[in-house]
Amino acid sequence: MLSALYYVFLVLLCTVFMILSAVALVVCYPFDRGRRVVHELSRILVRIFFFIPLRWRQRVEGREQIDRRKQYVIVINHNTVIDIPTLYYLPLNFRWVSKREVFKIPFFGQYLVLHGDICINRGRATAALEQMVHEGKRWISRGASIAIFPEGTRSKDGEIHRFKAGAFTLAREAGVDILPVVMDGTRTLIRPNLLFNWGNRITIRVLPPIPAERVAATDPHELMEEVHDSMCAALAEIRQKR
């Protein structure tokens, strides 16, 4: 019953913030091409979502690794839809790269459009990579970072699986740092029966960024393997400390 009530509350809350975001986009667009105001509204929405259940805990480690003046290609392990709001705990303005099917989900899809997120067709890999690089560079030029799940899909067992090269290609083309981020605990916030776990704990760990100079000088696949291994090691360490 409590979970059902919270779902209803979230629908109402998202509706209000969707309207606010649409108004902010129209009013602020002439002087806010990076959609910082819309992004900040999303951050407020996320804070409310996580704040109301009193026993939910979110811990951010490594926040000092982030330079707010920089743009990054952010790479995150992917377990569940909860990964998406969780990333808004980072003090960065960013756009997501997402498959086009997600844009069709009610509420969620409309938010992605308002937010300016990048929609790709995963069925056409070459065209999707070209579009991601083109639109990613455009948003980076406007002062936004780009957030990507390098695995390309959700992990079914909670482990970090093989990466695809798209995020690393974008970072190289755009001349920006890669910022690895590891999340743990997002899988357990919503149980298989869709009820909330009211005692959930989430850890977000920001790893040291890979400088743009090193991204440019290193083969993308070699860098991909290195970042994958460092994220796997960080995830194992987080779980040992539970």
Protein backbone atom coordinates (compact mmCIF):
# COMPACT_ATOMS: atom_id res chain seq x y z
CA MET A 1 0.00 0.00 0.00
CA LEU A 2 2.81 2.40 0.91
CA SER A 3 4.60 1.73 -2.38
CA ALA A 4 1.38 2.35 -4.34
CA LEU A 5 0.90 5.69 -2.60
CA TYR A 6 4.49 6.66 -3.34
CA TYR A 7 4.06 5.80 -7.02
CA VAL A 8 1.00 8.07 -7.16
CA PHE A 9 2.95 10.84 -5.43
CA LEU A 10 5.78 10.44 -7.96
CA VAL A 11 3.41 10.73 -10.90
CA LEU A 12 2.04 13.99 -9.51
CA LEU A 13 5.52 15.26 -8.66
CA CYS A 14 6.86 14.43 -12.14
CA THR A 15 3.88 16.15 -13.75
CA VAL A 16 4.56 19.36 -11.83
CA PHE A 17 8.26 19.30 -12.66
CA MET A 18 7.60 18.49 -16.30
CA ILE A 19 5.49 21.63 -16.58
CA LEU A 20 8.16 23.66 -14.77
CA SER A 21 10.85 22.25 -17.06
CA ALA A 22 8.86 23.10 -20.19
CA VAL A 23 8.35 26.67 -18.98
CA ALA A 24 12.02 26.97 -18.04
CA LEU A 25 13.10 25.69 -21.46
CA VAL A 26 11.00 28.27 -23.29
CA VAL A 27 11.86 31.19 -21.01
CA CYS A 28 15.58 30.47 -20.59
CA TYR A 29 16.47 29.08 -24.02
CA PRO A 30 17.76 32.36 -25.52
CA PHE A 31 20.49 32.63 -22.87
CA ASP A 32 20.76 29.02 -21.65
CA ARG A 33 21.60 26.88 -24.68
CA GLY A 34 23.15 24.27 -22.38
CA ARG A 35 19.79 23.85 -20.55
CA ARG A 36 21.36 24.27 -17.13
CA VAL A 37 18.09 25.48 -15.61
CA VAL A 38 16.19 22.43 -16.88
CA HIS A 39 18.96 20.21 -15.56
CA GLU A 40 18.86 21.86 -12.12
CA LEU A 41 15.10 21.28 -11.96
CA SER A 42 15.76 17.60 -12.63
CA ARG A 43 18.31 17.57 -9.80
CA ILE A 44 15.73 19.06 -7.42
CA LEU A 45 13.18 16.45 -8.50
CA VAL A 46 15.67 13.66 -7.81
CA ARG A 47 16.52 15.08 -4.38
CA ILE A 48 12.83 15.06 -3.44
CA PHE A 49 12.44 11.50 -4.75
CA PHE A 50 15.28 10.20 -2.60
CA PHE A 51 14.69 12.45 0.43
CA ILE A 52 11.14 11.53 1.43
CA PRO A 53 11.76 7.84 2.29
CA LEU A 54 13.65 8.46 5.52
CA ARG A 55 15.64 5.21 5.47
CA TRP A 56 16.99 5.56 1.93
CA ARG A 57 20.66 6.51 1.94
CA GLN A 58 22.82 7.78 -0.94
CA ARG A 59 26.57 8.22 -0.49
CA VAL A 60 28.79 9.96 -3.04
CA GLU A 61 32.50 9.11 -2.88
CA GLY A 62 35.19 10.91 -4.85
CA ARG A 63 33.27 14.11 -5.47
CA GLU A 64 36.62 15.92 -5.30
CA GLN A 65 37.58 14.22 -8.59
CA ILE A 66 35.11 16.46 -10.44
CA ASP A 67 36.09 19.83 -11.89
CA ARG A 68 32.81 21.68 -12.37
CA ARG A 69 34.40 23.94 -14.97
CA LYS A 70 35.09 20.98 -17.26
CA GLN A 71 33.00 18.89 -19.60
CA TYR A 72 33.36 15.11 -19.51
CA VAL A 73 32.21 11.95 -21.16
CA ILE A 74 30.80 10.20 -18.10
CA VAL A 75 30.78 6.38 -18.21
CA ILE A 76 28.55 4.52 -15.71
CA ASN A 77 27.78 0.87 -15.05
CA HIS A 78 24.15 0.06 -15.81
CA ASN A 79 21.85 -2.08 -13.66
CA THR A 80 18.41 -0.49 -13.62
CA VAL A 81 16.42 2.61 -14.49
CA ILE A 82 17.28 3.96 -11.02
CA ASP A 83 20.84 4.55 -12.30
CA ILE A 84 19.49 7.51 -14.26
CA PRO A 85 18.14 9.65 -11.40
CA THR A 86 21.04 8.60 -9.17
CA LEU A 87 23.59 10.25 -11.48
CA TYR A 88 21.98 13.63 -10.77
CA TYR A 89 23.82 13.62 -7.46
CA LEU A 90 26.91 14.63 -9.43
CA PRO A 91 27.42 18.42 -9.59
CA LEU A 92 27.58 18.46 -13.40
CA ASN A 93 25.27 19.54 -16.20
CA PHE A 94 24.98 16.55 -18.55
CA ARG A 95 22.96 15.00 -21.36
CA TRP A 96 22.17 11.29 -21.55
CA VAL A 97 22.68 9.06 -24.57
CA SER A 98 19.67 6.73 -24.73
CA LYS A 99 18.06 4.28 -27.13
CA ARG A 100 15.00 5.58 -28.96
CA GLU A 101 12.66 3.07 -27.27
CA VAL A 102 13.14 4.88 -23.94
CA PHE A 103 11.85 8.11 -25.48
CA LYS A 104 8.47 6.39 -25.99
CA ILE A 105 7.95 5.72 -22.26
CA PRO A 106 5.25 8.03 -20.80
CA PHE A 107 6.64 10.82 -18.58
CA PHE A 108 10.17 9.48 -18.90
CA GLY A 109 10.38 10.04 -22.63
CA GLN A 110 9.01 13.56 -22.38
CA TYR A 111 11.61 14.38 -19.75
CA LEU A 112 14.38 13.18 -22.03
CA VAL A 113 13.12 15.45 -24.81
CA LEU A 114 12.88 18.48 -22.51
CA HIS A 115 16.31 17.71 -21.12
CA GLY A 116 17.81 17.53 -24.62
CA ASP A 117 19.10 13.98 -24.30
CA ILE A 118 20.54 12.20 -27.34
CA CYS A 119 18.26 9.60 -28.96
CA ILE A 120 19.98 6.84 -30.96
CA ASN A 121 18.81 3.81 -32.91
CA ARG A 122 20.87 0.89 -31.62
CA GLY A 123 19.76 -1.23 -34.59
CA ARG A 124 21.94 0.90 -36.88
CA ALA A 125 25.28 0.87 -35.08
CA THR A 126 27.34 2.95 -37.50
CA ALA A 127 24.69 5.66 -37.86
CA ALA A 128 24.11 5.65 -34.08
CA LEU A 129 27.82 6.23 -33.41
CA GLU A 130 28.00 9.05 -35.93
CA GLN A 131 24.90 10.69 -34.43
CA MET A 132 26.18 10.32 -30.88
CA VAL A 133 29.53 11.90 -31.77
CA HIS A 134 27.89 14.73 -33.72
CA GLU A 135 25.28 15.61 -31.09
CA GLY A 136 27.65 14.90 -28.21
CA LYS A 137 30.20 17.38 -29.54
CA ARG A 138 27.43 19.95 -29.99
CA TRP A 139 26.31 19.66 -26.36
CA ILE A 140 29.89 19.69 -25.10
CA SER A 141 30.44 22.94 -27.01
CA ARG A 142 27.47 24.34 -25.07
CA GLY A 143 29.06 23.45 -21.74
CA ALA A 144 27.36 20.11 -21.02
CA SER A 145 28.92 16.72 -20.30
CA ILE A 146 27.66 13.51 -21.92
CA ALA A 147 26.58 10.50 -19.83
CA ILE A 148 26.79 7.05 -21.40
CA PHE A 149 26.28 3.45 -20.26
CA PRO A 150 29.28 1.87 -22.05
CA GLU A 151 27.89 -1.65 -21.67
CA GLY A 152 25.07 -0.60 -23.99
CA THR A 153 22.39 -2.38 -21.96
CA ARG A 154 21.50 -3.31 -18.39
CA SER A 155 23.51 -5.90 -16.52
CA LYS A 156 21.35 -8.89 -15.58
CA ASP A 157 23.59 -10.06 -12.75
CA GLY A 158 24.86 -6.76 -11.31
CA GLU A 159 28.39 -7.23 -12.65
CA ILE A 160 30.10 -4.92 -15.14
CA HIS A 161 30.26 -6.54 -18.56
CA ARG A 162 32.09 -5.81 -21.80
CA PHE A 163 32.16 -2.19 -22.93
CA LYS A 164 31.42 -0.78 -26.35
CA ALA A 165 33.77 1.82 -27.80
CA GLY A 166 31.28 4.65 -28.47
CA ALA A 167 31.91 6.67 -25.31
CA PHE A 168 35.66 6.49 -25.79
CA THR A 169 35.40 7.49 -29.44
CA LEU A 170 33.27 10.51 -28.48
CA ALA A 171 35.75 11.61 -25.80
CA ARG A 172 38.60 11.38 -28.30
CA GLU A 173 36.70 13.29 -31.00
CA ALA A 174 35.49 15.98 -28.58
CA GLY A 175 38.83 16.39 -26.80
CA VAL A 176 37.46 15.93 -23.26
CA ASP A 177 38.28 13.83 -20.19
CA ILE A 178 36.56 10.53 -19.47
CA LEU A 179 34.96 10.41 -16.01
CA PRO A 180 34.28 6.84 -14.78
CA VAL A 181 31.47 6.49 -12.22
CA VAL A 182 30.50 3.28 -10.41
CA MET A 183 27.11 2.75 -8.75
CA ASP A 184 26.04 0.02 -6.34
CA GLY A 185 22.66 -0.46 -4.68
CA THR A 186 20.41 0.80 -7.46
CA ARG A 187 19.31 -2.77 -8.29
CA THR A 188 17.73 -3.26 -4.88
CA LEU A 189 15.69 -0.06 -4.58
CA ILE A 190 12.72 -1.59 -6.44
CA ARG A 191 12.03 -5.27 -5.76
CA PRO A 192 10.98 -7.75 -8.51
CA ASN A 193 7.36 -7.32 -7.37
CA LEU A 194 7.75 -3.53 -8.04
CA LEU A 195 7.49 -2.67 -4.35
CA PHE A 196 10.06 -0.25 -2.94
CA ASN A 197 12.79 -1.41 -0.60
CA TRP A 198 12.41 1.21 2.13
CA GLY A 199 15.81 0.48 3.69
CA ASN A 200 17.86 0.78 0.51
CA ARG A 201 21.47 2.05 0.34
CA ILE A 202 23.15 3.41 -2.79
CA THR A 203 26.84 4.20 -3.25
CA ILE A 204 28.12 6.40 -6.08
CA ARG A 205 31.90 6.41 -6.50
CA VAL A 206 33.62 8.85 -8.86
CA LEU A 207 36.95 7.53 -10.10
CA PRO A 208 39.89 9.70 -11.23
CA PRO A 209 39.21 11.12 -14.70
CA ILE A 210 41.25 10.08 -17.72
CA PRO A 211 42.79 13.33 -19.08
CA ALA A 212 41.88 14.39 -22.60
CA GLU A 213 45.55 14.27 -23.61
CA ARG A 214 45.78 10.61 -22.66
CA VAL A 215 42.45 9.86 -24.36
CA ALA A 216 43.83 11.37 -27.57
CA ALA A 217 47.11 9.44 -27.35
CA THR A 218 45.68 6.01 -26.47
CA ASP A 219 43.84 3.53 -28.68
CA PRO A 220 40.12 3.65 -27.73
CA HIS A 221 39.89 -0.12 -27.26
CA GLU A 222 42.95 -0.18 -25.01
CA LEU A 223 41.53 2.66 -22.95
CA MET A 224 38.16 0.94 -22.86
CA GLU A 225 39.68 -2.16 -21.28
CA GLU A 226 41.62 -0.10 -18.75
CA VAL A 227 38.54 1.85 -17.62
CA HIS A 228 36.47 -1.34 -17.52
CA ASP A 229 38.99 -3.03 -15.22
CA SER A 230 39.24 -0.01 -12.89
CA MET A 231 35.45 0.18 -12.60
CA CYS A 232 35.20 -3.55 -11.85
CA ALA A 233 37.83 -3.20 -9.13
CA ALA A 234 35.99 -0.21 -7.62
CA LEU A 235 32.66 -2.08 -7.62
CA ALA A 236 34.26 -5.05 -5.84
CA GLU A 237 35.76 -2.73 -3.23
CA ILE A 238 32.44 -0.98 -2.62
CA ARG A 239 30.72 -4.31 -2.04
CA GLN A 240 33.40 -5.49 0.38
CA LYS A 241 32.69 -2.43 2.54
CA ARG A 242 28.94 -3.02 2.80
